[in-house]
Amino acid sequence: MPARNLIGLVYNSRLPDAAGLAKALVKSLGIEERAWISTAGSVGEMSDRFESTGLIAVIGGDGTILRTV
């Protein structure tokens, strides 16, 4: 079983500030080496990282989580 040390951040690309917020969050937490960021629509392209991901945070509050799952 692989170590689950990655953190994913998924955001809604239709929200103008969401991408910047995701990048700022990664930087402020100092997790640049352990994080990946994706739009909700493109999260499937990150599937090669899912096994190593222990946490996925969704930025939006607008139903983005429902589209991600």
C-alpha atoms as a PDB file:
ATOM      1  CA  MET A   1       0.000   0.000   0.000  1.00  0.00           C
ATOM      2  CA  PRO A   2       1.484   3.384  -0.991  1.00  0.00           C
ATOM      3  CA  ALA A   3       1.953   6.176   1.511  1.00  0.00           C
ATOM      4  CA  ARG A   4      -0.900   8.642   1.316  1.00  0.00           C
ATOM      5  CA  ASN A   5       1.104  11.810   1.770  1.00  0.00           C
ATOM      6  CA  LEU A   6      -0.369  13.959  -1.005  1.00  0.00           C
ATOM      7  CA  ILE A   7      -3.050  16.582  -0.528  1.00  0.00           C
ATOM      8  CA  GLY A   8      -5.376  17.494  -3.365  1.00  0.00           C
ATOM      9  CA  LEU A   9      -7.269  20.745  -3.764  1.00  0.00           C
ATOM     10  CA  VAL A  10     -10.195  20.797  -6.183  1.00  0.00           C
ATOM     11  CA  TYR A  11     -11.866  24.041  -7.197  1.00  0.00           C
ATOM     12  CA  ASN A  12     -14.673  25.300  -9.410  1.00  0.00           C
ATOM     13  CA  SER A  13     -13.164  26.978 -12.476  1.00  0.00           C
ATOM     14  CA  ARG A  14     -16.287  29.128 -12.859  1.00  0.00           C
ATOM     15  CA  LEU A  15     -15.525  30.956  -9.608  1.00  0.00           C
ATOM     16  CA  PRO A  16     -13.045  33.723 -10.457  1.00  0.00           C
ATOM     17  CA  ASP A  17     -11.093  33.639  -7.196  1.00  0.00           C
ATOM     18  CA  ALA A  18     -11.058  29.884  -6.608  1.00  0.00           C
ATOM     19  CA  ALA A  19      -7.791  29.063  -8.433  1.00  0.00           C
ATOM     20  CA  GLY A  20      -5.946  31.862  -6.677  1.00  0.00           C
ATOM     21  CA  LEU A  21      -7.353  30.775  -3.336  1.00  0.00           C
ATOM     22  CA  ALA A  22      -6.205  27.184  -3.903  1.00  0.00           C
ATOM     23  CA  LYS A  23      -2.686  28.322  -4.822  1.00  0.00           C
ATOM     24  CA  ALA A  24      -2.521  30.721  -1.878  1.00  0.00           C
ATOM     25  CA  LEU A  25      -3.697  28.003   0.504  1.00  0.00           C
ATOM     26  CA  VAL A  26      -1.008  25.590  -0.694  1.00  0.00           C
ATOM     27  CA  LYS A  27       1.652  28.266  -0.326  1.00  0.00           C
ATOM     28  CA  SER A  28       0.495  29.471   3.099  1.00  0.00           C
ATOM     29  CA  LEU A  29       0.460  25.902   4.412  1.00  0.00           C
ATOM     30  CA  GLY A  30       3.914  25.233   2.963  1.00  0.00           C
ATOM     31  CA  ILE A  31       2.771  22.094   1.162  1.00  0.00           C
ATOM     32  CA  GLU A  32       3.953  22.909  -2.346  1.00  0.00           C
ATOM     33  CA  GLU A  33       5.895  19.634  -2.596  1.00  0.00           C
ATOM     34  CA  ARG A  34       2.962  17.507  -1.397  1.00  0.00           C
ATOM     35  CA  ALA A  35      -0.054  19.143  -3.043  1.00  0.00           C
ATOM     36  CA  TRP A  36      -1.830  18.951  -6.347  1.00  0.00           C
ATOM     37  CA  ILE A  37      -4.505  21.351  -7.606  1.00  0.00           C
ATOM     38  CA  SER A  38      -7.231  20.677 -10.149  1.00  0.00           C
ATOM     39  CA  THR A  39     -10.497  22.049 -11.383  1.00  0.00           C
ATOM     40  CA  ALA A  40     -13.554  19.945 -10.590  1.00  0.00           C
ATOM     41  CA  GLY A  41     -13.980  19.235 -14.292  1.00  0.00           C
ATOM     42  CA  SER A  42     -10.402  18.005 -14.734  1.00  0.00           C
ATOM     43  CA  VAL A  43      -9.951  16.046 -11.512  1.00  0.00           C
ATOM     44  CA  GLY A  44     -10.028  12.755 -13.425  1.00  0.00           C
ATOM     45  CA  GLU A  45      -6.716  13.728 -15.016  1.00  0.00           C
ATOM     46  CA  MET A  46      -5.153  13.443 -11.553  1.00  0.00           C
ATOM     47  CA  SER A  47      -6.219   9.811 -11.109  1.00  0.00           C
ATOM     48  CA  ASP A  48      -2.588   8.657 -11.123  1.00  0.00           C
ATOM     49  CA  ARG A  49      -2.162  10.543  -7.840  1.00  0.00           C
ATOM     50  CA  PHE A  50      -5.286   9.283  -6.061  1.00  0.00           C
ATOM     51  CA  GLU A  51      -3.637   6.255  -4.436  1.00  0.00           C
ATOM     52  CA  SER A  52      -1.028   8.519  -2.838  1.00  0.00           C
ATOM     53  CA  THR A  53      -3.551  11.148  -1.738  1.00  0.00           C
ATOM     54  CA  GLY A  54      -4.713  11.158   1.873  1.00  0.00           C
ATOM     55  CA  LEU A  55      -6.881  14.276   1.754  1.00  0.00           C
ATOM     56  CA  ILE A  56      -8.829  16.169  -0.908  1.00  0.00           C
ATOM     57  CA  ALA A  57     -10.195  19.606  -0.040  1.00  0.00           C
ATOM     58  CA  VAL A  58     -12.834  21.138  -2.288  1.00  0.00           C
ATOM     59  CA  ILE A  59     -12.997  24.909  -2.624  1.00  0.00           C
ATOM     60  CA  GLY A  60     -16.315  26.310  -3.684  1.00  0.00           C
ATOM     61  CA  GLY A  61     -19.254  25.836  -1.371  1.00  0.00           C
ATOM     62  CA  ASP A  62     -21.491  25.854  -4.412  1.00  0.00           C
ATOM     63  CA  GLY A  63     -22.009  22.160  -5.114  1.00  0.00           C
ATOM     64  CA  THR A  64     -18.487  21.583  -6.460  1.00  0.00           C
ATOM     65  CA  ILE A  65     -18.107  18.597  -4.128  1.00  0.00           C
ATOM     66  CA  LEU A  66     -21.100  16.920  -5.726  1.00  0.00           C
ATOM     67  CA  ARG A  67     -19.556  17.229  -9.184  1.00  0.00           C
ATOM     68  CA  THR A  68     -16.164  16.038  -7.920  1.00  0.00           C
ATOM     69  CA  VAL A  69     -17.471  12.814  -6.417  1.00  0.00           C
END
